[in-house]
Amino acid sequence: MKQLEVWRRKQQLDHLFKQIAKLEGDDELVAHWSRYLCVLVSGFLEVAVFEIYSEFARNKAQGFVANYVQKQLSRFQNPTMEKILTLAGSFNRLWRDELKKATDGELKDAVDSIVNNRNYIAHGRNSDLTYGRMKEYFEKAVKVIDILEDLCYQ
């Protein structure tokens, strides 16, 4: 993680995952925490995308252009892989193509599952999300964020 705010939030989530792993034996409590983690990880994706592309704009564009980019990015929500790809393509069509190729399959599925489960949870619907699955999704989401950063800073 190159972007400081993204790294900081990842560290907070890493700590929380470790704390929840210590709750072995109380499956119901771990399931509730797993749903909470899903909401936090979805928010992490939103913030990471916002921060990475905002910093890119600040470093590459004049101030008023960077301000415009930040204003547009502030509306970015429910970061499905398709939305992230569309956004990447708005900056650079080649980024979209590279990102799609790098994330097709498990990484895409993990990001989409995070958002889908988050929406189920937020709207009071049942989710069969487990701690193990959520941890796996988070690790794959971090890989997607690393790829985004690499594309912006290459």
C-alpha atoms as a PDB file:
ATOM      1  CA  MET A   1       0.000   0.000   0.000  1.00  0.00           C
ATOM      2  CA  LYS A   2       1.539   3.230  -1.153  1.00  0.00           C
ATOM      3  CA  GLN A   3      -1.241   5.610  -0.171  1.00  0.00           C
ATOM      4  CA  LEU A   4      -1.016   6.426   3.557  1.00  0.00           C
ATOM      5  CA  GLU A   5      -4.742   6.660   4.323  1.00  0.00           C
ATOM      6  CA  VAL A   6      -5.389   3.360   2.553  1.00  0.00           C
ATOM      7  CA  TRP A   7      -2.544   1.694   4.448  1.00  0.00           C
ATOM      8  CA  ARG A   8      -3.837   3.059   7.765  1.00  0.00           C
ATOM      9  CA  ARG A   9      -7.346   1.724   7.156  1.00  0.00           C
ATOM     10  CA  LYS A  10      -5.972  -1.640   6.074  1.00  0.00           C
ATOM     11  CA  GLN A  11      -3.998  -1.850   9.317  1.00  0.00           C
ATOM     12  CA  GLN A  12      -7.152  -1.147  11.319  1.00  0.00           C
ATOM     13  CA  LEU A  13      -8.998  -3.914   9.500  1.00  0.00           C
ATOM     14  CA  ASP A  14      -6.086  -6.336   9.919  1.00  0.00           C
ATOM     15  CA  HIS A  15      -6.193  -5.684  13.671  1.00  0.00           C
ATOM     16  CA  LEU A  16      -9.954  -6.213  13.826  1.00  0.00           C
ATOM     17  CA  PHE A  17      -9.720  -9.484  11.883  1.00  0.00           C
ATOM     18  CA  LYS A  18      -7.114 -10.706  14.378  1.00  0.00           C
ATOM     19  CA  GLN A  19      -9.292  -9.738  17.331  1.00  0.00           C
ATOM     20  CA  ILE A  20     -12.323 -11.521  15.923  1.00  0.00           C
ATOM     21  CA  ALA A  21     -10.278 -14.653  15.207  1.00  0.00           C
ATOM     22  CA  LYS A  22      -9.777 -14.905  18.983  1.00  0.00           C
ATOM     23  CA  LEU A  23     -13.534 -15.356  19.528  1.00  0.00           C
ATOM     24  CA  GLU A  24     -13.445 -19.035  18.605  1.00  0.00           C
ATOM     25  CA  GLY A  25     -16.217 -21.082  20.127  1.00  0.00           C
ATOM     26  CA  ASP A  26     -19.009 -18.533  19.860  1.00  0.00           C
ATOM     27  CA  ASP A  27     -20.122 -19.099  16.279  1.00  0.00           C
ATOM     28  CA  GLU A  28     -23.086 -16.751  16.487  1.00  0.00           C
ATOM     29  CA  LEU A  29     -20.965 -13.866  17.757  1.00  0.00           C
ATOM     30  CA  VAL A  30     -18.323 -14.500  15.087  1.00  0.00           C
ATOM     31  CA  ALA A  31     -21.053 -14.530  12.414  1.00  0.00           C
ATOM     32  CA  HIS A  32     -22.327 -11.134  13.595  1.00  0.00           C
ATOM     33  CA  TRP A  33     -18.805  -9.720  13.593  1.00  0.00           C
ATOM     34  CA  SER A  34     -18.249 -11.155  10.111  1.00  0.00           C
ATOM     35  CA  ARG A  35     -21.231  -9.200   8.819  1.00  0.00           C
ATOM     36  CA  TYR A  36     -19.857  -6.062  10.465  1.00  0.00           C
ATOM     37  CA  LEU A  37     -16.476  -6.726   8.844  1.00  0.00           C
ATOM     38  CA  CYS A  38     -18.204  -6.984   5.477  1.00  0.00           C
ATOM     39  CA  VAL A  39     -19.650  -3.490   5.872  1.00  0.00           C
ATOM     40  CA  LEU A  40     -16.248  -2.139   6.933  1.00  0.00           C
ATOM     41  CA  VAL A  41     -14.411  -3.827   4.061  1.00  0.00           C
ATOM     42  CA  SER A  42     -16.916  -2.437   1.566  1.00  0.00           C
ATOM     43  CA  GLY A  43     -16.251   1.008   3.022  1.00  0.00           C
ATOM     44  CA  PHE A  44     -12.521   0.330   2.818  1.00  0.00           C
ATOM     45  CA  LEU A  45     -12.868  -0.342  -0.912  1.00  0.00           C
ATOM     46  CA  GLU A  46     -14.775   2.927  -1.404  1.00  0.00           C
ATOM     47  CA  VAL A  47     -12.209   4.934   0.539  1.00  0.00           C
ATOM     48  CA  ALA A  48      -9.245   3.234  -1.134  1.00  0.00           C
ATOM     49  CA  VAL A  49     -10.531   3.933  -4.638  1.00  0.00           C
ATOM     50  CA  PHE A  50     -11.320   7.530  -3.677  1.00  0.00           C
ATOM     51  CA  GLU A  51      -7.903   8.116  -2.080  1.00  0.00           C
ATOM     52  CA  ILE A  52      -5.855   6.478  -4.830  1.00  0.00           C
ATOM     53  CA  TYR A  53      -7.493   8.343  -7.688  1.00  0.00           C
ATOM     54  CA  SER A  54      -7.707  11.617  -5.738  1.00  0.00           C
ATOM     55  CA  GLU A  55      -4.005  11.499  -4.997  1.00  0.00           C
ATOM     56  CA  PHE A  56      -3.282  10.656  -8.618  1.00  0.00           C
ATOM     57  CA  ALA A  57      -5.257  13.724  -9.718  1.00  0.00           C
ATOM     58  CA  ARG A  58      -3.531  15.954  -7.132  1.00  0.00           C
ATOM     59  CA  ASN A  59      -0.123  14.798  -8.389  1.00  0.00           C
ATOM     60  CA  LYS A  60      -0.865  14.969 -12.106  1.00  0.00           C
ATOM     61  CA  ALA A  61      -3.372  17.770 -12.650  1.00  0.00           C
ATOM     62  CA  GLN A  62      -3.814  21.414 -11.820  1.00  0.00           C
ATOM     63  CA  GLY A  63      -5.617  22.189  -8.577  1.00  0.00           C
ATOM     64  CA  PHE A  64      -8.993  22.974 -10.090  1.00  0.00           C
ATOM     65  CA  VAL A  65      -8.951  19.739 -12.102  1.00  0.00           C
ATOM     66  CA  ALA A  66      -7.960  17.743  -9.007  1.00  0.00           C
ATOM     67  CA  ASN A  67     -10.824  19.393  -7.098  1.00  0.00           C
ATOM     68  CA  TYR A  68     -13.259  18.385  -9.818  1.00  0.00           C
ATOM     69  CA  VAL A  69     -11.980  14.800  -9.784  1.00  0.00           C
ATOM     70  CA  GLN A  70     -12.357  14.633  -5.999  1.00  0.00           C
ATOM     71  CA  LYS A  71     -15.901  15.981  -6.198  1.00  0.00           C
ATOM     72  CA  GLN A  72     -16.827  13.345  -8.785  1.00  0.00           C
ATOM     73  CA  LEU A  73     -15.138  10.579  -6.800  1.00  0.00           C
ATOM     74  CA  SER A  74     -17.079  11.529  -3.665  1.00  0.00           C
ATOM     75  CA  ARG A  75     -20.142   9.996  -5.336  1.00  0.00           C
ATOM     76  CA  PHE A  76     -18.440   6.622  -5.847  1.00  0.00           C
ATOM     77  CA  GLN A  77     -20.352   3.998  -3.829  1.00  0.00           C
ATOM     78  CA  ASN A  78     -20.977   0.253  -3.847  1.00  0.00           C
ATOM     79  CA  PRO A  79     -17.633  -0.506  -5.506  1.00  0.00           C
ATOM     80  CA  THR A  80     -18.452  -3.527  -7.638  1.00  0.00           C
ATOM     81  CA  MET A  81     -15.675  -4.629  -9.922  1.00  0.00           C
ATOM     82  CA  GLU A  82     -17.588  -3.294 -12.927  1.00  0.00           C
ATOM     83  CA  LYS A  83     -17.829   0.157 -11.315  1.00  0.00           C
ATOM     84  CA  ILE A  84     -14.130   0.090 -10.467  1.00  0.00           C
ATOM     85  CA  LEU A  85     -13.302  -0.942 -14.047  1.00  0.00           C
ATOM     86  CA  THR A  86     -15.489   1.839 -15.445  1.00  0.00           C
ATOM     87  CA  LEU A  87     -13.806   4.372 -13.192  1.00  0.00           C
ATOM     88  CA  ALA A  88     -10.325   3.136 -14.129  1.00  0.00           C
ATOM     89  CA  GLY A  89     -11.294   3.448 -17.804  1.00  0.00           C
ATOM     90  CA  SER A  90     -12.382   7.030 -17.182  1.00  0.00           C
ATOM     91  CA  PHE A  91      -8.788   7.820 -16.265  1.00  0.00           C
ATOM     92  CA  ASN A  92      -7.074   5.607 -18.815  1.00  0.00           C
ATOM     93  CA  ARG A  93      -8.635   3.012 -21.108  1.00  0.00           C
ATOM     94  CA  LEU A  94      -5.508   0.853 -20.862  1.00  0.00           C
ATOM     95  CA  TRP A  95      -5.831   0.812 -17.055  1.00  0.00           C
ATOM     96  CA  ARG A  96      -9.302  -0.643 -17.419  1.00  0.00           C
ATOM     97  CA  ASP A  97      -8.055  -3.353 -19.752  1.00  0.00           C
ATOM     98  CA  GLU A  98      -5.100  -4.232 -17.512  1.00  0.00           C
ATOM     99  CA  LEU A  99      -7.251  -4.181 -14.382  1.00  0.00           C
ATOM    100  CA  LYS A 100      -9.889  -6.390 -15.974  1.00  0.00           C
ATOM    101  CA  LYS A 101      -7.271  -8.895 -17.053  1.00  0.00           C
ATOM    102  CA  ALA A 102      -5.563  -8.891 -13.642  1.00  0.00           C
ATOM    103  CA  THR A 103      -8.758  -9.241 -11.604  1.00  0.00           C
ATOM    104  CA  ASP A 104     -10.892 -11.541 -13.742  1.00  0.00           C
ATOM    105  CA  GLY A 105     -12.025 -14.547 -11.762  1.00  0.00           C
ATOM    106  CA  GLU A 106     -11.499 -14.836  -8.008  1.00  0.00           C
ATOM    107  CA  LEU A 107     -10.534 -11.216  -7.350  1.00  0.00           C
ATOM    108  CA  LYS A 108     -13.570  -9.907  -9.229  1.00  0.00           C
ATOM    109  CA  ASP A 109     -15.826 -12.415  -7.503  1.00  0.00           C
ATOM    110  CA  ALA A 110     -14.505 -11.414  -4.066  1.00  0.00           C
ATOM    111  CA  VAL A 111     -15.090  -7.691  -4.633  1.00  0.00           C
ATOM    112  CA  ASP A 112     -18.577  -8.311  -6.000  1.00  0.00           C
ATOM    113  CA  SER A 113     -19.383 -10.647  -3.108  1.00  0.00           C
ATOM    114  CA  ILE A 114     -18.320  -8.023  -0.568  1.00  0.00           C
ATOM    115  CA  VAL A 115     -20.672  -5.457  -2.096  1.00  0.00           C
ATOM    116  CA  ASN A 116     -23.532  -7.925  -2.571  1.00  0.00           C
ATOM    117  CA  ASN A 117     -23.279  -9.173   1.018  1.00  0.00           C
ATOM    118  CA  ARG A 118     -22.978  -5.630   2.302  1.00  0.00           C
ATOM    119  CA  ASN A 119     -26.214  -4.739   0.525  1.00  0.00           C
ATOM    120  CA  TYR A 120     -27.970  -7.812   1.942  1.00  0.00           C
ATOM    121  CA  ILE A 121     -26.800  -6.916   5.438  1.00  0.00           C
ATOM    122  CA  ALA A 122     -27.652  -3.221   5.125  1.00  0.00           C
ATOM    123  CA  HIS A 123     -31.172  -4.048   3.967  1.00  0.00           C
ATOM    124  CA  GLY A 124     -31.838  -6.620   6.680  1.00  0.00           C
ATOM    125  CA  ARG A 125     -31.631  -9.678   4.472  1.00  0.00           C
ATOM    126  CA  ASN A 126     -29.967 -12.930   5.455  1.00  0.00           C
ATOM    127  CA  SER A 127     -26.348 -13.496   4.590  1.00  0.00           C
ATOM    128  CA  ASP A 128     -24.523 -16.793   5.036  1.00  0.00           C
ATOM    129  CA  LEU A 129     -21.201 -14.992   5.284  1.00  0.00           C
ATOM    130  CA  THR A 130     -18.589 -16.687   7.466  1.00  0.00           C
ATOM    131  CA  TYR A 131     -15.492 -15.267   9.091  1.00  0.00           C
ATOM    132  CA  GLY A 132     -13.220 -17.412   6.902  1.00  0.00           C
ATOM    133  CA  ARG A 133     -14.923 -16.344   3.712  1.00  0.00           C
ATOM    134  CA  MET A 134     -14.878 -12.669   4.757  1.00  0.00           C
ATOM    135  CA  LYS A 135     -11.160 -12.842   5.548  1.00  0.00           C
ATOM    136  CA  GLU A 136     -10.534 -14.381   2.130  1.00  0.00           C
ATOM    137  CA  TYR A 137     -12.603 -11.659   0.430  1.00  0.00           C
ATOM    138  CA  PHE A 138     -10.665  -8.974   2.296  1.00  0.00           C
ATOM    139  CA  GLU A 139      -7.304 -10.411   1.241  1.00  0.00           C
ATOM    140  CA  LYS A 140      -8.441 -10.469  -2.389  1.00  0.00           C
ATOM    141  CA  ALA A 141      -9.835  -6.925  -2.142  1.00  0.00           C
ATOM    142  CA  VAL A 142      -6.421  -5.777  -0.899  1.00  0.00           C
ATOM    143  CA  LYS A 143      -4.855  -7.354  -3.994  1.00  0.00           C
ATOM    144  CA  VAL A 144      -7.257  -5.357  -6.174  1.00  0.00           C
ATOM    145  CA  ILE A 145      -6.288  -2.145  -4.369  1.00  0.00           C
ATOM    146  CA  ASP A 146      -2.598  -2.990  -4.832  1.00  0.00           C
ATOM    147  CA  ILE A 147      -3.201  -3.417  -8.564  1.00  0.00           C
ATOM    148  CA  LEU A 148      -5.009  -0.051  -8.717  1.00  0.00           C
ATOM    149  CA  GLU A 149      -2.082   1.635  -7.006  1.00  0.00           C
ATOM    150  CA  ASP A 150       0.427  -0.039  -9.285  1.00  0.00           C
ATOM    151  CA  LEU A 151      -1.458   1.175 -12.350  1.00  0.00           C
ATOM    152  CA  CYS A 152      -1.549   4.756 -11.058  1.00  0.00           C
ATOM    153  CA  TYR A 153       2.077   4.890  -9.961  1.00  0.00           C
ATOM    154  CA  GLN A 154       3.863   2.965 -12.687  1.00  0.00           C
END
